[in-house]
PDB file of N, CA and C in Angstrom:
ATOM      1  N   MET A   1     -13.413  -1.374  -9.590  1.00  0.00           N
ATOM      2  CA  MET A   1     -12.805  -2.346  -8.018  1.00  0.00           C
ATOM      3  C   MET A   1     -12.086  -1.491  -7.517  1.00  0.00           C
ATOM      4  N   ILE A   2     -12.553  -1.978  -5.741  1.00  0.00           N
ATOM      5  CA  ILE A   2     -11.572  -1.269  -5.209  1.00  0.00           C
ATOM      6  C   ILE A   2     -11.769  -2.210  -3.986  1.00  0.00           C
ATOM      7  N   LEU A   3     -10.827  -2.150  -3.827  1.00  0.00           N
ATOM      8  CA  LEU A   3      -9.647  -3.293  -2.033  1.00  0.00           C
ATOM      9  C   LEU A   3      -9.152  -2.423  -1.079  1.00  0.00           C
ATOM     10  N   ALA A   4     -10.095  -2.832  -0.659  1.00  0.00           N
ATOM     11  CA  ALA A   4      -9.644  -2.062   0.857  1.00  0.00           C
ATOM     12  C   ALA A   4      -8.951  -3.040   2.884  1.00  0.00           C
ATOM     13  N   PHE A   5      -8.006  -2.924   3.329  1.00  0.00           N
ATOM     14  CA  PHE A   5      -7.472  -3.371   3.828  1.00  0.00           C
ATOM     15  C   PHE A   5      -6.888  -2.351   4.908  1.00  0.00           C
ATOM     16  N   ASP A   6      -7.556  -2.703   6.211  1.00  0.00           N
ATOM     17  CA  ASP A   6      -6.947  -1.371   7.859  1.00  0.00           C
ATOM     18  C   ASP A   6      -5.631  -2.594   8.189  1.00  0.00           C
ATOM     19  N   VAL A   7      -5.411  -1.825   8.870  1.00  0.00           N
ATOM     20  CA  VAL A   7      -3.397  -2.418   9.626  1.00  0.00           C
ATOM     21  C   VAL A   7      -3.439  -0.970  10.643  1.00  0.00           C
ATOM     22  N   ALA A   8      -3.174  -2.673  11.647  1.00  0.00           N
ATOM     23  CA  ALA A   8      -3.438  -2.289  12.880  1.00  0.00           C
ATOM     24  C   ALA A   8      -2.425  -1.910  13.374  1.00  0.00           C
ATOM     25  N   THR A   9      -2.051  -0.720  13.611  1.00  0.00           N
ATOM     26  CA  THR A   9      -1.248   0.072  14.008  1.00  0.00           C
ATOM     27  C   THR A   9      -1.003   1.315  14.707  1.00  0.00           C
ATOM     28  N   SER A  10      -0.134   1.718  15.702  1.00  0.00           N
ATOM     29  CA  SER A  10      -0.668   2.863  16.511  1.00  0.00           C
ATOM     30  C   SER A  10       0.503   3.488  16.002  1.00  0.00           C
ATOM     31  N   HIS A  11       1.309   3.346  15.456  1.00  0.00           N
ATOM     32  CA  HIS A  11       2.164   4.054  14.403  1.00  0.00           C
ATOM     33  C   HIS A  11       2.053   5.165  14.495  1.00  0.00           C
ATOM     34  N   SER A  12       1.650   6.603  15.343  1.00  0.00           N
ATOM     35  CA  SER A  12       2.051   8.103  14.461  1.00  0.00           C
ATOM     36  C   SER A  12       2.044   7.659  13.504  1.00  0.00           C
ATOM     37  N   GLY A  13       1.526   8.499  12.548  1.00  0.00           N
ATOM     38  CA  GLY A  13       2.534   9.266  10.684  1.00  0.00           C
ATOM     39  C   GLY A  13       1.981   7.813   9.976  1.00  0.00           C
ATOM     40  N   PHE A  14       1.534   6.850  10.118  1.00  0.00           N
ATOM     41  CA  PHE A  14       1.422   6.086   9.722  1.00  0.00           C
ATOM     42  C   PHE A  14       1.279   6.185   7.944  1.00  0.00           C
ATOM     43  N   ALA A  15       0.151   6.716   7.862  1.00  0.00           N
ATOM     44  CA  ALA A  15      -0.860   6.618   6.850  1.00  0.00           C
ATOM     45  C   ALA A  15       0.587   7.864   5.406  1.00  0.00           C
ATOM     46  N   ARG A  16       1.457   8.804   6.153  1.00  0.00           N
ATOM     47  CA  ARG A  16       2.531   9.623   5.458  1.00  0.00           C
ATOM     48  C   ARG A  16       3.447   8.825   4.828  1.00  0.00           C
ATOM     49  N   ARG A  17       3.874   7.979   6.223  1.00  0.00           N
ATOM     50  CA  ARG A  17       5.140   7.245   6.216  1.00  0.00           C
ATOM     51  C   ARG A  17       4.638   6.378   4.581  1.00  0.00           C
ATOM     52  N   PHE A  18       3.962   5.157   4.585  1.00  0.00           N
ATOM     53  CA  PHE A  18       3.106   4.055   3.694  1.00  0.00           C
ATOM     54  C   PHE A  18       2.985   5.058   2.573  1.00  0.00           C
ATOM     55  N   HIS A  19       2.742   6.219   2.259  1.00  0.00           N
ATOM     56  CA  HIS A  19       2.789   7.351   1.312  1.00  0.00           C
ATOM     57  C   HIS A  19       3.707   6.838   0.620  1.00  0.00           C
ATOM     58  N   ALA A  20       4.627   7.506   0.734  1.00  0.00           N
ATOM     59  CA  ALA A  20       5.921   7.897   0.690  1.00  0.00           C
ATOM     60  C   ALA A  20       6.832   6.442   0.252  1.00  0.00           C
ATOM     61  N   HIS A  21       6.986   6.030   1.382  1.00  0.00           N
ATOM     62  CA  HIS A  21       7.267   4.173   1.099  1.00  0.00           C
ATOM     63  C   HIS A  21       6.634   4.292  -0.392  1.00  0.00           C
ATOM     64  N   ALA A  22       5.663   4.238  -0.618  1.00  0.00           N
ATOM     65  CA  ALA A  22       4.185   3.281  -1.431  1.00  0.00           C
ATOM     66  C   ALA A  22       5.274   4.111  -3.452  1.00  0.00           C
ATOM     67  N   LEU A  23       5.397   5.221  -3.051  1.00  0.00           N
ATOM     68  CA  LEU A  23       6.173   5.712  -4.496  1.00  0.00           C
ATOM     69  C   LEU A  23       7.324   5.329  -4.532  1.00  0.00           C
ATOM     70  N   GLU A  24       7.803   5.467  -3.706  1.00  0.00           N
ATOM     71  CA  GLU A  24       9.088   5.068  -3.886  1.00  0.00           C
ATOM     72  C   GLU A  24       9.356   3.078  -5.163  1.00  0.00           C
ATOM     73  N   GLU A  25       8.151   2.687  -4.439  1.00  0.00           N
ATOM     74  CA  GLU A  25       8.279   1.723  -5.647  1.00  0.00           C
ATOM     75  C   GLU A  25       7.610   0.771  -6.421  1.00  0.00           C
ATOM     76  N   GLY A  26       6.826   2.553  -6.736  1.00  0.00           N
ATOM     77  CA  GLY A  26       6.382   3.265  -7.912  1.00  0.00           C
ATOM     78  C   GLY A  26       4.764   2.395  -8.373  1.00  0.00           C
ATOM     79  N   LEU A  27       3.791   3.175  -6.266  1.00  0.00           N
ATOM     80  CA  LEU A  27       3.408   2.915  -6.677  1.00  0.00           C
ATOM     81  C   LEU A  27       2.294   4.128  -5.924  1.00  0.00           C
ATOM     82  N   LEU A  28       0.642   3.601  -6.292  1.00  0.00           N
ATOM     83  CA  LEU A  28       0.084   5.170  -6.050  1.00  0.00           C
ATOM     84  C   LEU A  28      -1.070   4.838  -5.109  1.00  0.00           C
ATOM     85  N   LEU A  29      -0.309   4.446  -4.157  1.00  0.00           N
ATOM     86  CA  LEU A  29      -1.191   4.135  -2.796  1.00  0.00           C
ATOM     87  C   LEU A  29      -1.426   5.694  -2.638  1.00  0.00           C
ATOM     88  N   ARG A  30      -2.782   6.124  -1.446  1.00  0.00           N
ATOM     89  CA  ARG A  30      -2.703   6.742  -0.683  1.00  0.00           C
ATOM     90  C   ARG A  30      -3.555   6.050   0.656  1.00  0.00           C
ATOM     91  N   PRO A  31      -3.235   5.739   1.775  1.00  0.00           N
ATOM     92  CA  PRO A  31      -4.146   5.121   2.939  1.00  0.00           C
ATOM     93  C   PRO A  31      -4.829   6.528   2.887  1.00  0.00           C
ATOM     94  N   ILE A  32      -5.685   5.935   4.014  1.00  0.00           N
ATOM     95  CA  ILE A  32      -6.411   7.704   4.742  1.00  0.00           C
ATOM     96  C   ILE A  32      -6.711   6.776   6.070  1.00  0.00           C
ATOM     97  N   GLY A  33      -6.271   8.004   7.159  1.00  0.00           N
ATOM     98  CA  GLY A  33      -6.028   6.660   8.135  1.00  0.00           C
ATOM     99  C   GLY A  33      -4.647   5.188   8.070  1.00  0.00           C
ATOM    100  N   ASN A  34      -5.634   4.803   9.450  1.00  0.00           N
ATOM    101  CA  ASN A  34      -4.806   3.390   8.871  1.00  0.00           C
ATOM    102  C   ASN A  34      -5.028   2.167   7.133  1.00  0.00           C
ATOM    103  N   THR A  35      -6.949   3.056   6.853  1.00  0.00           N
ATOM    104  CA  THR A  35      -7.551   1.865   6.113  1.00  0.00           C
ATOM    105  C   THR A  35      -6.344   2.194   5.016  1.00  0.00           C
ATOM    106  N   VAL A  36      -5.894   1.061   3.935  1.00  0.00           N
ATOM    107  CA  VAL A  36      -4.826   1.247   3.068  1.00  0.00           C
ATOM    108  C   VAL A  36      -6.107   1.014   1.305  1.00  0.00           C
ATOM    109  N   TYR A  37      -6.127   1.923   0.948  1.00  0.00           N
ATOM    110  CA  TYR A  37      -7.116   0.838  -1.084  1.00  0.00           C
ATOM    111  C   TYR A  37      -6.423   0.821  -1.997  1.00  0.00           C
ATOM    112  N   TRP A  38      -7.092  -0.197  -2.598  1.00  0.00           N
ATOM    113  CA  TRP A  38      -5.601  -0.197  -3.746  1.00  0.00           C
ATOM    114  C   TRP A  38      -7.007   0.051  -5.062  1.00  0.00           C
ATOM    115  N   MET A  39      -7.148   0.695  -5.755  1.00  0.00           N
ATOM    116  CA  MET A  39      -8.230   0.710  -7.478  1.00  0.00           C
ATOM    117  C   MET A  39      -7.414   0.612  -8.292  1.00  0.00           C
ATOM    118  N   PRO A  40      -6.972  -0.426  -8.481  1.00  0.00           N
ATOM    119  CA  PRO A  40      -6.173  -0.771 -10.210  1.00  0.00           C
ATOM    120  C   PRO A  40      -6.869  -0.536 -11.116  1.00  0.00           C
ATOM    121  N   PRO A  41      -6.173  -0.779 -12.548  1.00  0.00           N
ATOM    122  CA  PRO A  41      -7.222  -0.283 -13.805  1.00  0.00           C
ATOM    123  C   PRO A  41      -7.396  -2.276 -13.285  1.00  0.00           C
ATOM    124  N   TYR A  42      -9.236  -1.794 -14.572  1.00  0.00           N
ATOM    125  CA  TYR A  42      -9.070  -3.107 -14.583  1.00  0.00           C
ATOM    126  C   TYR A  42      -8.666  -4.341 -15.683  1.00  0.00           C
ATOM    127  N   VAL A  43      -7.383  -3.864 -16.740  1.00  0.00           N
ATOM    128  CA  VAL A  43      -7.122  -5.113 -17.773  1.00  0.00           C
ATOM    129  C   VAL A  43      -5.522  -4.915 -16.323  1.00  0.00           C
ATOM    130  N   LEU A  44      -5.520  -5.750 -15.431  1.00  0.00           N
ATOM    131  CA  LEU A  44      -4.419  -5.891 -15.078  1.00  0.00           C
ATOM    132  C   LEU A  44      -3.992  -7.734 -15.534  1.00  0.00           C
ATOM    133  N   ASP A  45      -2.833  -8.441 -15.409  1.00  0.00           N
ATOM    134  CA  ASP A  45      -2.527  -9.983 -15.432  1.00  0.00           C
ATOM    135  C   ASP A  45      -2.524  -9.919 -14.588  1.00  0.00           C
ATOM    136  N   GLU A  46      -2.282 -11.290 -14.473  1.00  0.00           N
ATOM    137  CA  GLU A  46      -1.489 -11.675 -13.317  1.00  0.00           C
ATOM    138  C   GLU A  46      -0.143 -12.180 -12.689  1.00  0.00           C
ATOM    139  N   ALA A  47       0.683 -11.686 -13.705  1.00  0.00           N
ATOM    140  CA  ALA A  47       2.075 -11.244 -12.781  1.00  0.00           C
ATOM    141  C   ALA A  47       1.980  -9.543 -11.972  1.00  0.00           C
ATOM    142  N   GLN A  48       0.877  -8.761 -13.038  1.00  0.00           N
ATOM    143  CA  GLN A  48       1.666  -7.178 -12.902  1.00  0.00           C
ATOM    144  C   GLN A  48       0.141  -7.377 -10.814  1.00  0.00           C
ATOM    145  N   CYS A  49      -0.691  -8.157 -11.118  1.00  0.00           N
ATOM    146  CA  CYS A  49      -1.395  -8.249 -10.070  1.00  0.00           C
ATOM    147  C   CYS A  49      -0.217  -8.605  -8.449  1.00  0.00           C
ATOM    148  N   ARG A  50       0.573  -9.429  -8.808  1.00  0.00           N
ATOM    149  CA  ARG A  50       1.606  -9.936  -8.316  1.00  0.00           C
ATOM    150  C   ARG A  50       2.137  -9.308  -8.237  1.00  0.00           C
ATOM    151  N   MET A  51       2.455  -8.061  -8.867  1.00  0.00           N
ATOM    152  CA  MET A  51       3.972  -7.347  -8.725  1.00  0.00           C
ATOM    153  C   MET A  51       2.905  -6.235  -7.147  1.00  0.00           C
ATOM    154  N   LEU A  52       1.182  -6.000  -7.718  1.00  0.00           N
ATOM    155  CA  LEU A  52       1.104  -5.306  -6.624  1.00  0.00           C
ATOM    156  C   LEU A  52       1.021  -5.504  -5.447  1.00  0.00           C
ATOM    157  N   GLY A  53       0.830  -7.021  -5.484  1.00  0.00           N
ATOM    158  CA  GLY A  53       0.887  -7.845  -3.868  1.00  0.00           C
ATOM    159  C   GLY A  53       1.912  -7.814  -3.269  1.00  0.00           C
ATOM    160  N   GLU A  54       3.530  -7.608  -3.425  1.00  0.00           N
ATOM    161  CA  GLU A  54       4.582  -7.838  -3.025  1.00  0.00           C
ATOM    162  C   GLU A  54       5.011  -7.005  -2.995  1.00  0.00           C
ATOM    163  N   LYS A  55       4.802  -6.000  -3.887  1.00  0.00           N
ATOM    164  CA  LYS A  55       5.498  -3.988  -3.476  1.00  0.00           C
ATOM    165  C   LYS A  55       4.563  -3.737  -1.952  1.00  0.00           C
ATOM    166  N   THR A  56       3.396  -4.035  -2.658  1.00  0.00           N
ATOM    167  CA  THR A  56       2.614  -3.455  -0.716  1.00  0.00           C
ATOM    168  C   THR A  56       2.805  -4.485   0.124  1.00  0.00           C
ATOM    169  N   LEU A  57       3.567  -5.397   0.239  1.00  0.00           N
ATOM    170  CA  LEU A  57       4.277  -6.417   1.557  1.00  0.00           C
ATOM    171  C   LEU A  57       4.975  -5.390   2.286  1.00  0.00           C
ATOM    172  N   ARG A  58       6.194  -4.840   0.988  1.00  0.00           N
ATOM    173  CA  ARG A  58       7.452  -4.256   1.430  1.00  0.00           C
ATOM    174  C   ARG A  58       7.535  -2.804   1.863  1.00  0.00           C
ATOM    175  N   VAL A  59       6.172  -2.331   0.982  1.00  0.00           N
ATOM    176  CA  VAL A  59       5.898  -0.811   1.674  1.00  0.00           C
ATOM    177  C   VAL A  59       4.852  -1.298   3.643  1.00  0.00           C
ATOM    178  N   LEU A  60       4.003  -2.143   3.351  1.00  0.00           N
ATOM    179  CA  LEU A  60       3.922  -2.418   4.730  1.00  0.00           C
ATOM    180  C   LEU A  60       4.723  -2.502   5.377  1.00  0.00           C
ATOM    181  N   ASP A  61       6.331  -3.252   5.329  1.00  0.00           N
ATOM    182  CA  ASP A  61       7.102  -3.702   6.708  1.00  0.00           C
ATOM    183  C   ASP A  61       8.072  -2.536   6.833  1.00  0.00           C
ATOM    184  N   ALA A  62       7.894  -1.875   5.238  1.00  0.00           N
ATOM    185  CA  ALA A  62       8.799  -0.495   5.794  1.00  0.00           C
ATOM    186  C   ALA A  62       7.656   0.446   6.717  1.00  0.00           C
ATOM    187  N   SER A  63       7.354   0.450   6.162  1.00  0.00           N
ATOM    188  CA  SER A  63       6.189   1.524   7.005  1.00  0.00           C
ATOM    189  C   SER A  63       5.988   1.823   8.844  1.00  0.00           C
ATOM    190  N   LEU A  64       6.315   0.283   9.125  1.00  0.00           N
ATOM    191  CA  LEU A  64       5.639   0.054  10.550  1.00  0.00           C
ATOM    192  C   LEU A  64       6.784  -0.071  11.072  1.00  0.00           C
ATOM    193  N   SER A  65       8.188  -0.506  10.429  1.00  0.00           N
ATOM    194  CA  SER A  65       9.672  -1.322  11.445  1.00  0.00           C
ATOM    195  C   SER A  65      10.051   0.590  11.374  1.00  0.00           C
ATOM    196  N   VAL A  66       9.282   1.128  11.998  1.00  0.00           N
ATOM    197  CA  VAL A  66      10.247   2.713  12.926  1.00  0.00           C
ATOM    198  C   VAL A  66      10.471   3.263  14.173  1.00  0.00           C
TER     199      VAL A  66
END
């Protein structure tokens, strides 16, 4: 399964900042340009899915507030 979404931003270096913040949160997410891809394992319970979403939102907030 792959889920991808585009981030509407004109901040230069978004991908680099996003990747660094994701690692700080313990997430292995690497955007390509302004597109962020999730490739979670097939065995993902509801709590893990919620954690992935919440941490991704924190990473987005941190990456865009520069």
